[in-house]
Every structure is written in C-alpha cells, then in structure tokens.
C-alpha atoms as a PDB file:
ATOM      1  CA  MET A   1     110.897 115.862 131.369  1.00  0.00           C
ATOM      2  CA  ALA A   2     111.839 114.779 134.856  1.00  0.00           C
ATOM      3  CA  LEU A   3     114.752 116.120 136.460  1.00  0.00           C
ATOM      4  CA  THR A   4     117.170 113.537 138.048  1.00  0.00           C
ATOM      5  CA  LEU A   5     118.059 114.244 141.621  1.00  0.00           C
ATOM      6  CA  ALA A   6     121.345 115.913 140.960  1.00  0.00           C
ATOM      7  CA  GLU A   7     119.512 118.304 138.429  1.00  0.00           C
ATOM      8  CA  ALA A   8     116.634 119.448 140.828  1.00  0.00           C
ATOM      9  CA  THR A   9     118.897 119.635 143.930  1.00  0.00           C
ATOM     10  CA  ALA A  10     121.276 122.068 141.609  1.00  0.00           C
ATOM     11  CA  THR A  11     118.220 124.257 140.442  1.00  0.00           C
ATOM     12  CA  LEU A  12     116.760 124.626 143.991  1.00  0.00           C
ATOM     13  CA  THR A  13     120.108 125.474 145.843  1.00  0.00           C
ATOM     14  CA  ALA A  14     121.027 127.747 142.813  1.00  0.00           C
ATOM     15  CA  PRO A  15     121.801 131.998 143.621  1.00  0.00           C
ATOM     16  CA  GLY A  16     118.760 133.684 144.881  1.00  0.00           C
ATOM     17  CA  GLN A  17     116.447 130.664 144.892  1.00  0.00           C
ATOM     18  CA  MET A  18     114.948 129.688 148.185  1.00  0.00           C
ATOM     19  CA  PHE A  19     117.249 127.367 148.870  1.00  0.00           C
ATOM     20  CA  GLU A  20     120.305 129.068 147.719  1.00  0.00           C
ATOM     21  CA  VAL A  21     123.471 126.898 149.391  1.00  0.00           C
ATOM     22  CA  ALA A  22     126.167 129.394 150.395  1.00  0.00           C
ATOM     23  CA  GLU A  23     129.362 129.166 152.561  1.00  0.00           C
ATOM     24  CA  GLU A  24     129.603 130.693 156.179  1.00  0.00           C
ATOM     25  CA  GLU A  25     132.169 130.319 159.158  1.00  0.00           C
ATOM     26  CA  ILE A  26     130.546 129.069 162.219  1.00  0.00           C
ATOM     27  CA  ASP A  27     132.541 129.075 164.990  1.00  0.00           C
ATOM     28  CA  GLY A  28     136.044 129.018 162.765  1.00  0.00           C
ATOM     29  CA  VAL A  29     134.710 126.344 160.549  1.00  0.00           C
ATOM     30  CA  ALA A  30     133.450 126.898 156.839  1.00  0.00           C
ATOM     31  CA  THR A  31     130.084 125.464 156.871  1.00  0.00           C
ATOM     32  CA  ARG A  32     127.718 125.249 153.900  1.00  0.00           C
ATOM     33  CA  VAL A  33     124.255 126.402 155.179  1.00  0.00           C
ATOM     34  CA  TRP A  34     121.046 127.434 153.387  1.00  0.00           C
ATOM     35  CA  ARG A  35     120.888 131.331 153.114  1.00  0.00           C
ATOM     36  CA  HIS A  36     117.753 132.693 153.030  1.00  0.00           C
ATOM     37  CA  CYS A  37     116.785 130.230 156.212  1.00  0.00           C
ATOM     38  CA  PRO A  38     116.213 131.830 159.835  1.00  0.00           C
ATOM     39  CA  PRO A  39     119.448 131.106 161.822  1.00  0.00           C
ATOM     40  CA  SER A  40     116.920 128.822 164.198  1.00  0.00           C
ATOM     41  CA  LEU A  41     113.408 127.372 164.252  1.00  0.00           C
ATOM     42  CA  ARG A  42     113.327 129.426 168.079  1.00  0.00           C
ATOM     43  CA  ILE A  43     109.805 131.203 168.450  1.00  0.00           C
ATOM     44  CA  ASP A  44     110.143 134.488 170.019  1.00  0.00           C
ATOM     45  CA  PRO A  45     107.010 134.069 172.546  1.00  0.00           C
ATOM     46  CA  ARG A  46     105.925 137.822 172.023  1.00  0.00           C
ATOM     47  CA  THR A  47     105.266 136.680 168.326  1.00  0.00           C
ATOM     48  CA  VAL A  48     102.287 133.419 168.900  1.00  0.00           C
ATOM     49  CA  PRO A  49      99.507 136.011 169.672  1.00  0.00           C
ATOM     50  CA  ARG A  50     100.150 137.595 166.127  1.00  0.00           C
ATOM     51  CA  HIS A  51     100.883 134.038 164.556  1.00  0.00           C
ATOM     52  CA  GLY A  52      99.286 131.812 166.666  1.00  0.00           C
ATOM     53  CA  GLU A  53      96.949 129.481 164.388  1.00  0.00           C
ATOM     54  CA  ALA A  54      98.927 130.572 161.369  1.00  0.00           C
ATOM     55  CA  THR A  55     101.290 127.260 160.228  1.00  0.00           C
ATOM     56  CA  TYR A  56     104.320 126.912 161.549  1.00  0.00           C
ATOM     57  CA  LEU A  57     105.924 123.427 160.407  1.00  0.00           C
ATOM     58  CA  VAL A  58     104.437 121.278 158.055  1.00  0.00           C
ATOM     59  CA  TYR A  59     105.683 117.705 157.547  1.00  0.00           C
ATOM     60  CA  GLU A  60     104.219 115.472 154.704  1.00  0.00           C
ATOM     61  CA  ASP A  61     100.348 116.174 155.695  1.00  0.00           C
ATOM     62  CA  GLU A  62     101.068 116.876 159.229  1.00  0.00           C
ATOM     63  CA  ARG A  63     101.157 120.662 160.520  1.00  0.00           C
ATOM     64  CA  MET A  64     101.451 122.560 163.384  1.00  0.00           C
ATOM     65  CA  THR A  65     100.518 125.763 164.072  1.00  0.00           C
ATOM     66  CA  PHE A  66     102.306 128.638 166.012  1.00  0.00           C
ATOM     67  CA  LYS A  67     100.651 128.118 169.047  1.00  0.00           C
ATOM     68  CA  GLN A  68     100.975 124.059 168.720  1.00  0.00           C
ATOM     69  CA  HIS A  69     104.613 124.511 168.335  1.00  0.00           C
ATOM     70  CA  PHE A  70     104.763 126.837 171.373  1.00  0.00           C
ATOM     71  CA  GLU A  71     102.752 124.751 173.706  1.00  0.00           C
ATOM     72  CA  GLU A  72     104.945 121.314 173.054  1.00  0.00           C
ATOM     73  CA  VAL A  73     108.202 123.645 173.289  1.00  0.00           C
ATOM     74  CA  ALA A  74     106.901 124.812 176.753  1.00  0.00           C
ATOM     75  CA  ALA A  75     105.548 121.551 177.864  1.00  0.00           C
ATOM     76  CA  LEU A  76     109.024 119.753 176.847  1.00  0.00           C
ATOM     77  CA  ALA A  77     110.964 122.395 178.461  1.00  0.00           C
ATOM     78  CA  THR A  78     109.024 121.917 182.077  1.00  0.00           C
ATOM     79  CA  VAL A  79     110.082 118.357 181.967  1.00  0.00           C
ATOM     80  CA  LEU A  80     113.574 118.855 181.205  1.00  0.00           C
ATOM     81  CA  ALA A  81     113.267 121.605 183.785  1.00  0.00           C
ATOM     82  CA  ASP A  82     111.661 119.600 186.558  1.00  0.00           C
ATOM     83  CA  ARG A  83     112.480 116.205 186.291  1.00  0.00           C
ATOM     84  CA  TYR A  84     115.990 116.464 184.447  1.00  0.00           C
ATOM     85  CA  GLY A  85     116.909 119.600 186.529  1.00  0.00           C
ATOM     86  CA  VAL A  86     117.998 121.032 183.207  1.00  0.00           C
ATOM     87  CA  ARG A  87     118.569 124.822 183.435  1.00  0.00           C
ATOM     88  CA  PHE A  88     120.289 127.427 181.211  1.00  0.00           C
ATOM     89  CA  ARG A  89     123.445 128.954 181.791  1.00  0.00           C
END
C-alpha cells in the first residue's frame, strides 16, 4: 500500500525519526527545525583529511566527496574575496 505525501511526511518527521521536526527559538523567533541535523553544512577543514574521499553530499545521481566540496568552497571563497572584496567581520 502506497503512502500519501502527508502520511510519508508524518512518518519521516515523527519523534525519534531521522527527520524529526521540532520547534526551536532562533534569534527570538519560534522556528521549525530538523532536530537531528547539524546546524550547518560547513566543513571543519581539519576533518577533510580524515573523510576526504567519503561521500559528503548526494543529489539524485550526483555525489560529492568531502574533499571535492572543500575545494569548491575554497575556490568560491577566493573569487568572492579577490574579485568582489568580500570579507568576514
């Protein structure tokens, strides 16, 4: 028996599930969040050697390793800084 979209969503986001949804306050605003997700997809550069060729992101049939992701982000950061003058505060 196939689930409806609403049933599948309820199953995946239920308490204790991988995509459990909870409410947390972010900057004073009650916000729905996935409870078990990391707060960002930012990579700590120190972890790249440890996870280098392991899969980091998956989209449909595309795969990106930790190393590939880090290299892409570093290249983008370089362009943003050198060409557009973007700086961290």
